[in-house]
Amino acid sequence: MIQIETVLHILKNDANYREISDNGRYIYDCHKVTFTKLSYDSRDVDAETLFFVKGASFKAEFLNQAIEKGLTWYIAEQDYQVGIPVILVNDIKQAMSLLAMAFYDHPERKLQLLGFTGTKGKTTAAYFAYNILKQSHRPAMLSTMNTTLDGEHFFKSTLTTPESLDLFKMMAEAVENGMTHLIMEVSSQAYLVKRVYGLTFDVGVFLNISPDHIGPIEHPTFEDYFYHKRLLLENSQSVVVNSAMDHFELVKEQVATRPHDFYSGDSENLIIKSSAFTFETTGKLAEHYDIQLIGHFNQENAMAAGLACLRLGASPEDIQKGIAQTSVPGRMEVLTQANQAKVFVDYAHNGDSLTKLLDVVSHHQTGKIILILGAPGNKGESRRADFGQVINQYPELDVILTADDPNFEEPQAIADEIASHINRPVDKIIDRELAIKEAMQRTETAKDAVIIAGKGADAYQIVKGERSPYPGDLAVAQSFL
């Protein structure tokens, strides 16, 4: 519940408020106006809803339909002249975040907040942190893969970082469920469109940076992408940073005045000995660790989570147990075929993560490697050239290009574009299930491997804006064992 005076006070203090426009029909006594619901969906309103107009394609007819359901007030960046009062603001997304905090009684103050950002590894690091903190605490988690607000029930996320109205509602539910911590993946988009505006994290973790999410509807340049990534550090009380990441010196200078830990590179927190399923470290985390996820980058993700959780009250024993228990749906999941060849299912979805995945698999599997790969439609278009450049560095790699969330683009055209950046012939099997079947049939010995990259645990294909049924890469591969 929130009163109109509180709404106006918050907006005016943030210099976001412009005016109330009543269209000549202002008949309300502001002192009696109370809202019991917030919404940005015009289909989900009633007489006590404060409605937020967001989106470039929003139409006045949506407001008229909402008024028929009883809507009496709305907030927008323009006056739609629909006969009810509008609170005009300069930035609707900023207003949404600030008012959601107040409406849900500031749940962010009742949880210890841990945020992960980076081009890759956010989900894996979040899972490590969740398993570490659950040893002695009650963490909730918002991740690309799954969300839990009570530690028992998990549901599929729709956005890496939810819209602010949804985010603070989820936080309030976590508080009501007795959760003590909240682990979040914080995307660059979350700062670009102000989903986390005004939010301060107890610990912010920067895992890595490489060009991604650059395109017409995302970030215009790498510099813009990197800037929005770094906003997590500006809005965290303490930080953990990978000292081996690109552009580290800039980040190091940025965090110099706040409590911080560096890991990897030339920091004191180093991995000094490792094998496929164990590693040892120096520094604050000096210990021997068992780990289910192969690859040096997963060991680094575990270190990042461990250092962050240490600042949030986890013990060294909690960190050891949590790392050992962590597995992540769609991240380096491994199957063994009847001929003993391996099948790896992994979410690797950009050039950098694909390189790391290929390096790890080729280290363990020295025979024939068949890669199944696609690229999503209408987003991250720069990845297509990146994939081609990565594949060119592995001349022995057998490649099958296929569909991966083509959305409003033709999957064949996407495959053709990726192929145009590859300096040798590759196969194109657009039906993803058939591509997986074909790849698995090409293996012969225990040294061979199939890599199914991109979708991870996603049990759908995005086609023309809708989620179409798809069993998921792991389920498909299992069906062909």
Protein backbone atom coordinates (compact mmCIF):
# COMPACT_ATOMS: atom_id res chain seq x y z
CA MET A 1 0.00 0.00 0.00
CA ILE A 2 1.23 3.49 -0.81
CA GLN A 3 -0.40 6.92 -0.59
CA ILE A 4 -0.26 9.59 -3.27
CA GLU A 5 1.66 11.98 -0.98
CA THR A 6 4.41 9.35 -0.61
CA VAL A 7 4.51 8.80 -4.36
CA LEU A 8 4.95 12.51 -5.05
CA HIS A 9 7.49 12.93 -2.25
CA ILE A 10 9.67 10.13 -3.63
CA LEU A 11 9.50 11.39 -7.20
CA LYS A 12 10.19 15.01 -6.27
CA ASN A 13 13.19 14.08 -4.12
CA ASP A 14 14.65 12.18 -7.07
CA ALA A 15 14.15 15.17 -9.42
CA ASN A 16 12.10 12.88 -11.64
CA TYR A 17 8.70 14.51 -11.11
CA ARG A 18 7.27 17.07 -13.54
CA GLU A 19 3.60 17.64 -12.69
CA ILE A 20 0.16 16.15 -12.23
CA SER A 21 -2.02 16.68 -15.28
CA ASP A 22 -5.77 16.32 -14.71
CA ASN A 23 -7.01 16.99 -18.27
CA GLY A 24 -9.52 19.44 -16.87
CA ARG A 25 -11.22 16.73 -14.84
CA TYR A 26 -9.21 16.76 -11.63
CA ILE A 27 -11.76 15.81 -8.94
CA TYR A 28 -9.60 13.89 -6.49
CA ASP A 29 -8.70 14.81 -2.97
CA CYS A 30 -5.07 13.70 -3.06
CA HIS A 31 -5.05 13.10 0.68
CA LYS A 32 -7.54 10.25 0.23
CA VAL A 33 -5.84 8.49 -2.68
CA THR A 34 -4.21 5.18 -1.73
CA PHE A 35 -2.86 2.51 -4.06
CA THR A 36 -2.87 -1.16 -3.08
CA LYS A 37 -1.34 -2.46 -6.29
CA LEU A 38 1.39 -1.57 -8.80
CA SER A 39 1.28 -2.73 -12.42
CA TYR A 40 2.79 -2.15 -15.85
CA ASP A 41 0.34 -4.56 -17.52
CA SER A 42 -2.82 -2.72 -18.59
CA ARG A 43 -4.74 -6.01 -18.41
CA ASP A 44 -3.94 -6.36 -14.71
CA VAL A 45 -5.43 -3.29 -13.02
CA ASP A 46 -8.29 -2.21 -10.80
CA ALA A 47 -9.52 0.98 -9.11
CA GLU A 48 -6.66 0.95 -6.55
CA THR A 49 -3.84 0.30 -9.03
CA LEU A 50 -1.03 2.75 -9.73
CA PHE A 51 -0.25 1.99 -13.37
CA PHE A 52 3.09 2.64 -15.10
CA VAL A 53 3.20 3.33 -18.83
CA LYS A 54 6.40 1.86 -20.24
CA GLY A 55 7.56 0.77 -23.67
CA ALA A 56 7.93 2.63 -26.96
CA SER A 57 5.01 0.73 -28.50
CA PHE A 58 2.50 1.59 -25.77
CA LYS A 59 -0.83 2.87 -27.14
CA ALA A 60 -3.54 5.05 -25.59
CA GLU A 61 -6.07 2.31 -26.31
CA PHE A 62 -4.35 0.17 -23.67
CA LEU A 63 -5.07 2.89 -21.12
CA ASN A 64 -8.70 3.16 -22.22
CA GLN A 65 -9.08 -0.59 -21.70
CA ALA A 66 -7.53 -0.23 -18.24
CA ILE A 67 -9.93 2.62 -17.40
CA GLU A 68 -12.81 0.30 -18.24
CA LYS A 69 -11.44 -2.02 -15.56
CA GLY A 70 -11.50 0.84 -13.02
CA LEU A 71 -8.08 2.49 -13.39
CA THR A 72 -8.06 6.02 -11.93
CA TRP A 73 -4.38 7.08 -11.96
CA TYR A 74 -1.28 6.40 -14.01
CA ILE A 75 2.37 7.49 -14.26
CA ALA A 76 3.93 8.20 -17.64
CA GLU A 77 6.45 10.32 -19.52
CA GLN A 78 3.64 11.89 -21.57
CA ASP A 79 -0.03 12.79 -21.11
CA TYR A 80 -2.22 10.40 -23.10
CA GLN A 81 -5.32 12.61 -22.64
CA VAL A 82 -7.59 9.79 -21.49
CA GLY A 83 -9.57 11.70 -18.87
CA ILE A 84 -7.89 10.52 -15.64
CA PRO A 85 -5.01 12.13 -13.73
CA VAL A 86 -1.48 11.36 -14.84
CA ILE A 87 1.72 11.91 -12.84
CA LEU A 88 4.28 13.02 -15.40
CA VAL A 89 7.90 11.98 -14.87
CA ASN A 90 11.12 12.30 -16.83
CA ASP A 91 12.08 8.61 -16.56
CA ILE A 92 9.38 5.98 -16.06
CA LYS A 93 11.80 3.11 -15.32
CA GLN A 94 13.50 5.16 -12.61
CA ALA A 95 10.11 5.95 -11.10
CA MET A 96 9.11 2.27 -11.17
CA SER A 97 12.15 1.14 -9.21
CA LEU A 98 11.93 3.83 -6.53
CA LEU A 99 8.20 3.42 -5.97
CA ALA A 100 8.41 -0.38 -5.94
CA MET A 101 10.95 -0.19 -3.11
CA ALA A 102 8.62 1.95 -1.03
CA PHE A 103 5.44 0.05 -1.95
CA TYR A 104 6.93 -3.27 -0.77
CA ASP A 105 8.32 -1.67 2.41
CA HIS A 106 11.96 -1.77 1.35
CA PRO A 107 12.61 -5.52 1.35
CA GLU A 108 16.14 -4.83 0.11
CA ARG A 109 16.96 -3.55 3.61
CA LYS A 110 15.90 -6.86 5.17
CA LEU A 111 18.12 -9.11 3.03
CA GLN A 112 21.86 -9.28 2.44
CA LEU A 113 22.24 -8.76 -1.29
CA LEU A 114 24.87 -10.42 -3.49
CA GLY A 115 25.04 -9.44 -7.16
CA PHE A 116 27.06 -11.09 -9.94
CA THR A 117 27.86 -9.44 -13.25
CA GLY A 118 30.10 -10.43 -16.14
CA THR A 119 29.82 -11.49 -19.75
CA LYS A 120 29.80 -15.15 -18.75
CA GLY A 121 29.70 -17.24 -15.60
CA LYS A 122 26.96 -15.33 -13.74
CA THR A 123 24.63 -18.29 -13.42
CA THR A 124 27.36 -20.72 -12.40
CA ALA A 125 28.76 -18.31 -9.80
CA ALA A 126 25.24 -17.67 -8.47
CA TYR A 127 24.69 -21.41 -8.04
CA PHE A 128 28.01 -21.75 -6.21
CA ALA A 129 27.00 -18.90 -3.89
CA TYR A 130 23.56 -20.39 -3.31
CA ASN A 131 25.00 -23.76 -2.32
CA ILE A 132 27.59 -22.12 -0.07
CA LEU A 133 25.13 -19.86 1.75
CA LYS A 134 22.47 -22.53 2.21
CA GLN A 135 24.85 -24.46 4.49
CA SER A 136 24.22 -22.02 7.37
CA HIS A 137 21.77 -19.42 6.04
CA ARG A 138 18.52 -19.16 4.07
CA PRO A 139 19.34 -17.71 0.64
CA ALA A 140 16.91 -16.86 -2.15
CA MET A 141 18.24 -16.73 -5.71
CA LEU A 142 17.30 -14.94 -8.93
CA SER A 143 19.23 -16.43 -11.84
CA THR A 144 18.90 -16.83 -15.59
CA MET A 145 18.37 -20.54 -15.06
CA ASN A 146 16.07 -20.75 -12.03
CA THR A 147 14.62 -18.61 -9.29
CA THR A 148 13.77 -19.65 -5.73
CA LEU A 149 12.24 -17.42 -3.09
CA ASP A 150 11.94 -20.04 -0.36
CA GLY A 151 14.78 -22.50 -1.00
CA GLU A 152 12.32 -25.27 -1.84
CA HIS A 153 10.40 -24.32 -4.98
CA PHE A 154 12.24 -23.34 -8.18
CA PHE A 155 10.77 -21.77 -11.29
CA LYS A 156 12.13 -20.71 -14.66
CA SER A 157 13.21 -17.08 -14.95
CA THR A 158 12.06 -14.94 -17.87
CA LEU A 159 14.71 -12.21 -17.57
CA THR A 160 18.25 -12.33 -16.16
CA THR A 161 17.24 -9.44 -13.89
CA PRO A 162 13.46 -8.94 -13.47
CA GLU A 163 11.64 -5.65 -14.07
CA SER A 164 11.77 -3.56 -10.90
CA LEU A 165 8.11 -4.05 -9.97
CA ASP A 166 8.61 -7.82 -10.17
CA LEU A 167 12.03 -7.68 -8.52
CA PHE A 168 10.89 -5.92 -5.35
CA LYS A 169 7.75 -8.02 -5.16
CA MET A 170 9.98 -11.12 -5.26
CA MET A 171 12.24 -9.63 -2.60
CA ALA A 172 9.24 -9.01 -0.36
CA GLU A 173 8.12 -12.61 -0.83
CA ALA A 174 11.61 -13.83 0.06
CA VAL A 175 11.52 -11.75 3.25
CA GLU A 176 8.08 -13.14 4.09
CA ASN A 177 9.46 -16.65 3.59
CA GLY A 178 12.20 -15.99 6.14
CA MET A 179 15.09 -15.74 3.69
CA THR A 180 18.25 -14.05 4.94
CA HIS A 181 20.18 -13.46 1.69
CA LEU A 182 19.35 -12.83 -1.95
CA ILE A 183 21.72 -13.83 -4.76
CA MET A 184 21.12 -12.08 -8.09
CA GLU A 185 22.52 -12.08 -11.57
CA VAL A 186 22.75 -8.43 -12.56
CA SER A 187 22.79 -7.88 -16.32
CA SER A 188 24.05 -4.80 -18.11
CA GLN A 189 20.45 -4.35 -19.31
CA ALA A 190 19.33 -4.13 -15.69
CA TYR A 191 21.29 -0.89 -15.38
CA LEU A 192 20.63 0.29 -18.93
CA VAL A 193 16.86 0.25 -18.34
CA LYS A 194 17.09 0.97 -14.59
CA ARG A 195 15.57 -2.24 -13.23
CA VAL A 196 17.85 -1.94 -10.19
CA TYR A 197 17.91 1.85 -9.94
CA GLY A 198 18.52 2.98 -6.36
CA LEU A 199 19.49 -0.50 -5.15
CA THR A 200 22.68 -1.02 -3.11
CA PHE A 201 24.26 -4.48 -2.93
CA ASP A 202 26.17 -5.70 0.09
CA VAL A 203 28.64 -7.44 -2.24
CA GLY A 204 29.03 -7.00 -5.99
CA VAL A 205 31.12 -9.42 -8.05
CA PHE A 206 32.62 -8.67 -11.48
CA LEU A 207 33.61 -11.96 -13.14
CA ASN A 208 34.89 -10.92 -16.58
CA ILE A 209 34.20 -8.75 -19.63
CA SER A 210 34.22 -9.37 -23.37
CA PRO A 211 32.18 -7.87 -26.23
CA ASP A 212 28.57 -9.09 -26.17
CA HIS A 213 25.00 -7.78 -26.24
CA ILE A 214 25.99 -5.14 -28.76
CA GLY A 215 23.32 -4.40 -31.33
CA PRO A 216 20.40 -2.15 -32.33
CA ILE A 217 18.16 -3.06 -29.38
CA GLU A 218 20.89 -3.60 -26.78
CA HIS A 219 24.15 -1.64 -26.26
CA PRO A 220 25.36 0.56 -29.12
CA THR A 221 29.06 0.02 -28.32
CA PHE A 222 31.35 -2.09 -26.14
CA GLU A 223 32.14 1.02 -24.10
CA ASP A 224 28.46 1.44 -23.28
CA TYR A 225 28.17 -2.26 -22.37
CA PHE A 226 31.25 -2.11 -20.12
CA TYR A 227 30.05 1.11 -18.46
CA HIS A 228 26.71 -0.44 -17.50
CA LYS A 229 28.44 -3.57 -16.22
CA ARG A 230 30.63 -1.46 -13.95
CA LEU A 231 27.61 0.25 -12.37
CA LEU A 232 27.23 -2.79 -10.12
CA LEU A 233 30.57 -1.90 -8.53
CA GLU A 234 29.47 1.68 -8.01
CA ASN A 235 26.36 0.42 -6.24
CA SER A 236 27.96 -2.19 -3.96
CA GLN A 237 29.32 -1.69 -0.46
CA SER A 238 32.15 -4.17 -1.11
CA VAL A 239 33.32 -5.89 -4.28
CA VAL A 240 35.06 -9.00 -5.61
CA VAL A 241 36.85 -8.72 -8.97
CA ASN A 242 38.69 -11.10 -11.28
CA SER A 243 42.15 -9.55 -11.59
CA ALA A 244 42.82 -11.51 -14.80
CA MET A 245 39.88 -9.95 -16.63
CA ASP A 246 40.34 -7.64 -19.59
CA HIS A 247 40.52 -3.93 -18.67
CA PHE A 248 41.24 -4.85 -15.03
CA GLU A 249 43.35 -1.74 -14.39
CA LEU A 250 40.34 0.48 -15.04
CA VAL A 251 38.17 -1.57 -12.69
CA LYS A 252 40.93 -1.72 -10.07
CA GLU A 253 41.10 2.07 -10.02
CA GLN A 254 37.32 2.29 -9.75
CA VAL A 255 37.11 0.09 -6.63
CA ALA A 256 40.27 1.26 -4.88
CA THR A 257 38.40 3.25 -2.21
CA ARG A 258 35.95 0.53 -1.16
CA PRO A 259 36.46 -2.88 0.51
CA HIS A 260 37.48 -5.38 -2.13
CA ASP A 261 38.98 -8.77 -2.91
CA PHE A 262 40.80 -9.68 -6.10
CA TYR A 263 41.22 -13.25 -7.28
CA SER A 264 43.22 -14.90 -10.06
CA GLY A 265 45.95 -13.08 -11.95
CA ASP A 266 48.49 -11.42 -9.66
CA SER A 267 46.27 -11.36 -6.56
CA GLU A 268 46.92 -13.28 -3.36
CA ASN A 269 43.86 -15.45 -4.06
CA LEU A 270 45.20 -17.91 -6.62
CA ILE A 271 44.48 -21.42 -7.83
CA ILE A 272 47.83 -23.13 -7.30
CA LYS A 273 46.98 -26.72 -8.21
CA SER A 274 44.06 -28.19 -10.10
CA SER A 275 42.76 -31.25 -11.92
CA ALA A 276 39.42 -31.94 -13.54
CA PHE A 277 37.50 -32.26 -10.26
CA THR A 278 39.73 -30.73 -7.57
CA PHE A 279 41.68 -27.52 -6.98
CA GLU A 280 43.72 -25.84 -4.27
CA THR A 281 44.00 -22.13 -3.54
CA THR A 282 46.05 -19.57 -1.64
CA GLY A 283 44.94 -16.43 0.17
CA LYS A 284 41.67 -16.08 2.09
CA LEU A 285 40.32 -19.30 0.62
CA ALA A 286 43.49 -21.39 1.07
CA GLU A 287 42.16 -24.94 1.04
CA HIS A 288 41.59 -28.07 -1.04
CA TYR A 289 38.26 -28.14 -2.92
CA ASP A 290 36.28 -30.82 -4.69
CA ILE A 291 34.24 -29.56 -7.65
CA GLN A 292 31.78 -31.19 -10.05
CA LEU A 293 32.15 -28.67 -12.89
CA ILE A 294 35.27 -29.17 -14.99
CA GLY A 295 37.32 -26.30 -16.36
CA HIS A 296 39.57 -23.65 -14.85
CA PHE A 297 36.93 -20.96 -15.43
CA ASN A 298 34.47 -22.88 -13.23
CA GLN A 299 37.10 -23.07 -10.51
CA GLU A 300 37.47 -19.30 -10.78
CA ASN A 301 33.68 -18.87 -10.56
CA ALA A 302 33.77 -20.96 -7.39
CA MET A 303 36.53 -18.71 -5.96
CA ALA A 304 34.52 -15.59 -6.76
CA ALA A 305 31.46 -17.00 -5.01
CA GLY A 306 33.55 -18.15 -2.05
CA LEU A 307 35.15 -14.75 -1.50
CA ALA A 308 31.78 -13.02 -1.78
CA CYS A 309 30.09 -15.42 0.64
CA LEU A 310 32.95 -15.07 3.11
CA ARG A 311 31.98 -11.39 3.35
CA LEU A 312 28.35 -12.39 3.91
CA GLY A 313 28.92 -14.69 6.87
CA ALA A 314 29.82 -18.04 5.30
CA SER A 315 32.46 -20.12 7.05
CA PRO A 316 35.39 -21.84 5.29
CA GLU A 317 33.59 -25.14 5.87
CA ASP A 318 30.44 -23.78 4.25
CA ILE A 319 32.47 -22.76 1.21
CA GLN A 320 34.08 -26.17 0.85
CA LYS A 321 30.79 -28.03 1.16
CA GLY A 322 28.90 -25.65 -1.09
CA ILE A 323 31.43 -25.82 -3.92
CA ALA A 324 31.51 -29.62 -3.75
CA GLN A 325 27.70 -29.83 -3.94
CA THR A 326 27.19 -27.45 -6.86
CA SER A 327 25.93 -28.57 -10.23
CA VAL A 328 24.19 -26.28 -12.70
CA PRO A 329 21.49 -27.29 -15.21
CA GLY A 330 22.87 -26.84 -18.72
CA ARG A 331 26.39 -26.00 -17.58
CA MET A 332 28.98 -28.64 -18.51
CA GLU A 333 26.52 -31.50 -18.13
CA VAL A 334 28.12 -34.70 -19.41
CA LEU A 335 26.64 -37.87 -20.89
CA THR A 336 28.49 -41.02 -21.96
CA GLN A 337 27.42 -42.88 -25.10
CA ALA A 338 27.52 -46.67 -25.55
CA ASN A 339 30.81 -46.28 -27.45
CA GLN A 340 32.09 -44.30 -24.41
CA ALA A 341 32.26 -41.02 -26.35
CA LYS A 342 31.21 -38.00 -24.30
CA VAL A 343 28.38 -35.55 -24.92
CA PHE A 344 28.74 -32.10 -23.32
CA VAL A 345 25.72 -29.82 -22.94
CA ASP A 346 26.69 -26.25 -22.13
CA TYR A 347 25.18 -22.78 -22.26
CA ALA A 348 28.25 -21.24 -23.98
CA HIS A 349 26.60 -18.58 -26.12
CA ASN A 350 29.27 -16.08 -27.12
CA GLY A 351 32.77 -16.20 -28.59
CA ASP A 352 34.65 -16.06 -25.31
CA SER A 353 32.63 -18.73 -23.51
CA LEU A 354 32.78 -20.95 -26.61
CA THR A 355 36.59 -20.68 -26.65
CA LYS A 356 36.82 -21.72 -23.01
CA LEU A 357 34.43 -24.59 -23.58
CA LEU A 358 36.38 -25.89 -26.57
CA ASP A 359 39.66 -25.61 -24.66
CA VAL A 360 38.31 -27.61 -21.72
CA VAL A 361 36.73 -30.35 -23.82
CA SER A 362 39.73 -30.71 -26.15
CA HIS A 363 42.00 -31.05 -23.11
CA HIS A 364 40.02 -34.05 -21.84
CA GLN A 365 38.85 -35.53 -25.17
CA THR A 366 41.67 -35.93 -27.68
CA GLY A 367 39.74 -37.58 -30.51
CA LYS A 368 37.12 -36.24 -32.92
CA ILE A 369 35.07 -33.31 -31.58
CA ILE A 370 31.75 -32.36 -33.16
CA LEU A 371 30.32 -28.95 -32.27
CA ILE A 372 26.60 -28.16 -32.59
CA LEU A 373 26.04 -24.42 -32.60
CA GLY A 374 23.52 -21.74 -33.52
CA ALA A 375 22.85 -18.10 -32.67
CA PRO A 376 19.67 -16.37 -31.49
CA GLY A 377 17.66 -14.10 -33.73
CA ASN A 378 17.16 -10.38 -33.12
CA LYS A 379 19.83 -10.10 -30.40
CA GLY A 380 23.58 -10.29 -29.91
CA GLU A 381 24.18 -10.20 -33.66
CA SER A 382 27.91 -9.62 -33.21
CA ARG A 383 28.18 -13.17 -31.82
CA ARG A 384 27.80 -14.64 -35.30
CA ALA A 385 31.12 -13.26 -36.52
CA ASP A 386 32.69 -14.10 -33.15
CA PHE A 387 31.63 -17.74 -33.50
CA GLY A 388 33.19 -17.88 -36.96
CA GLN A 389 36.48 -16.48 -35.69
CA VAL A 390 36.57 -18.97 -32.79
CA ILE A 391 35.82 -21.95 -35.05
CA ASN A 392 38.60 -20.86 -37.41
CA GLN A 393 41.06 -21.34 -34.55
CA TYR A 394 40.12 -25.05 -34.30
CA PRO A 395 40.70 -26.43 -37.82
CA GLU A 396 40.06 -30.05 -36.81
CA LEU A 397 36.67 -29.21 -35.29
CA ASP A 398 33.66 -30.82 -36.99
CA VAL A 399 30.86 -28.21 -37.04
CA ILE A 400 27.10 -28.51 -37.46
CA LEU A 401 25.19 -25.21 -37.52
CA THR A 402 21.60 -25.37 -36.32
CA ALA A 403 18.69 -23.37 -34.88
CA ASP A 404 18.99 -21.60 -31.52
CA ASP A 405 16.04 -19.32 -30.66
CA PRO A 406 15.71 -17.80 -34.17
CA ASN A 407 12.82 -15.57 -33.07
CA PHE A 408 11.72 -13.39 -36.02
CA GLU A 409 14.73 -14.28 -38.20
CA GLU A 410 15.05 -17.29 -40.46
CA PRO A 411 17.31 -19.90 -38.79
CA GLN A 412 18.79 -20.85 -42.17
CA ALA A 413 19.82 -17.22 -42.72
CA ILE A 414 21.46 -17.10 -39.28
CA ALA A 415 23.36 -20.30 -40.02
CA ASP A 416 24.45 -18.90 -43.38
CA GLU A 417 25.72 -15.74 -41.69
CA ILE A 418 27.77 -17.71 -39.15
CA ALA A 419 29.12 -19.90 -41.98
CA SER A 420 30.18 -16.82 -43.94
CA HIS A 421 32.74 -16.09 -41.20
CA ILE A 422 34.17 -19.64 -41.22
CA ASN A 423 37.08 -20.39 -43.55
CA ARG A 424 36.08 -23.99 -44.35
CA PRO A 425 32.90 -25.88 -45.24
CA VAL A 426 30.55 -26.75 -42.37
CA ASP A 427 27.27 -28.65 -42.18
CA LYS A 428 23.91 -26.99 -41.59
CA ILE A 429 21.10 -29.05 -40.07
CA ILE A 430 18.49 -26.54 -38.97
CA ASP A 431 16.36 -29.04 -37.03
CA ARG A 432 18.22 -29.07 -33.70
CA GLU A 433 17.13 -32.58 -32.71
CA LEU A 434 18.33 -34.01 -36.03
CA ALA A 435 21.60 -32.10 -35.65
CA ILE A 436 22.19 -33.70 -32.24
CA LYS A 437 21.35 -37.16 -33.56
CA GLU A 438 23.74 -36.75 -36.50
CA ALA A 439 26.57 -35.47 -34.29
CA MET A 440 26.27 -38.38 -31.88
CA GLN A 441 26.29 -40.86 -34.75
CA ARG A 442 29.63 -39.44 -35.93
CA THR A 443 31.47 -40.47 -32.73
CA GLU A 444 33.42 -43.73 -32.65
CA THR A 445 35.66 -44.02 -29.59
CA ALA A 446 35.95 -42.95 -25.96
CA LYS A 447 38.24 -40.13 -27.05
CA ASP A 448 35.53 -38.48 -29.17
CA ALA A 449 33.06 -35.83 -27.99
CA VAL A 450 29.94 -33.98 -29.01
CA ILE A 451 29.51 -30.41 -27.77
CA ILE A 452 25.95 -29.04 -27.82
CA ALA A 453 26.40 -25.33 -27.19
CA GLY A 454 24.11 -22.38 -26.65
CA LYS A 455 20.80 -23.39 -25.11
CA GLY A 456 21.99 -25.16 -21.99
CA ALA A 457 18.93 -26.30 -20.03
CA ASP A 458 16.40 -24.24 -22.01
CA ALA A 459 13.46 -26.53 -22.81
CA TYR A 460 12.04 -24.33 -25.57
CA GLN A 461 12.89 -22.60 -28.83
CA ILE A 462 11.94 -18.94 -29.27
CA VAL A 463 10.21 -18.67 -32.65
CA LYS A 464 8.43 -15.51 -33.81
CA GLY A 465 8.28 -14.10 -30.31
CA GLU A 466 6.84 -17.25 -28.72
CA ARG A 467 8.36 -20.13 -26.76
CA SER A 468 7.85 -23.24 -28.88
CA PRO A 469 8.03 -26.72 -27.31
CA TYR A 470 11.48 -28.31 -27.38
CA PRO A 471 12.61 -31.14 -25.07
CA GLY A 472 15.96 -29.51 -24.24
CA ASP A 473 19.45 -30.44 -25.39
CA LEU A 474 20.14 -32.87 -22.54
CA ALA A 475 16.83 -34.71 -22.99
CA VAL A 476 17.34 -34.94 -26.75
CA ALA A 477 20.88 -36.30 -26.32
CA GLN A 478 19.66 -38.81 -23.72
CA SER A 479 17.01 -40.05 -26.14
CA PHE A 480 19.74 -40.95 -28.65
CA LEU A 481 22.05 -42.74 -26.22
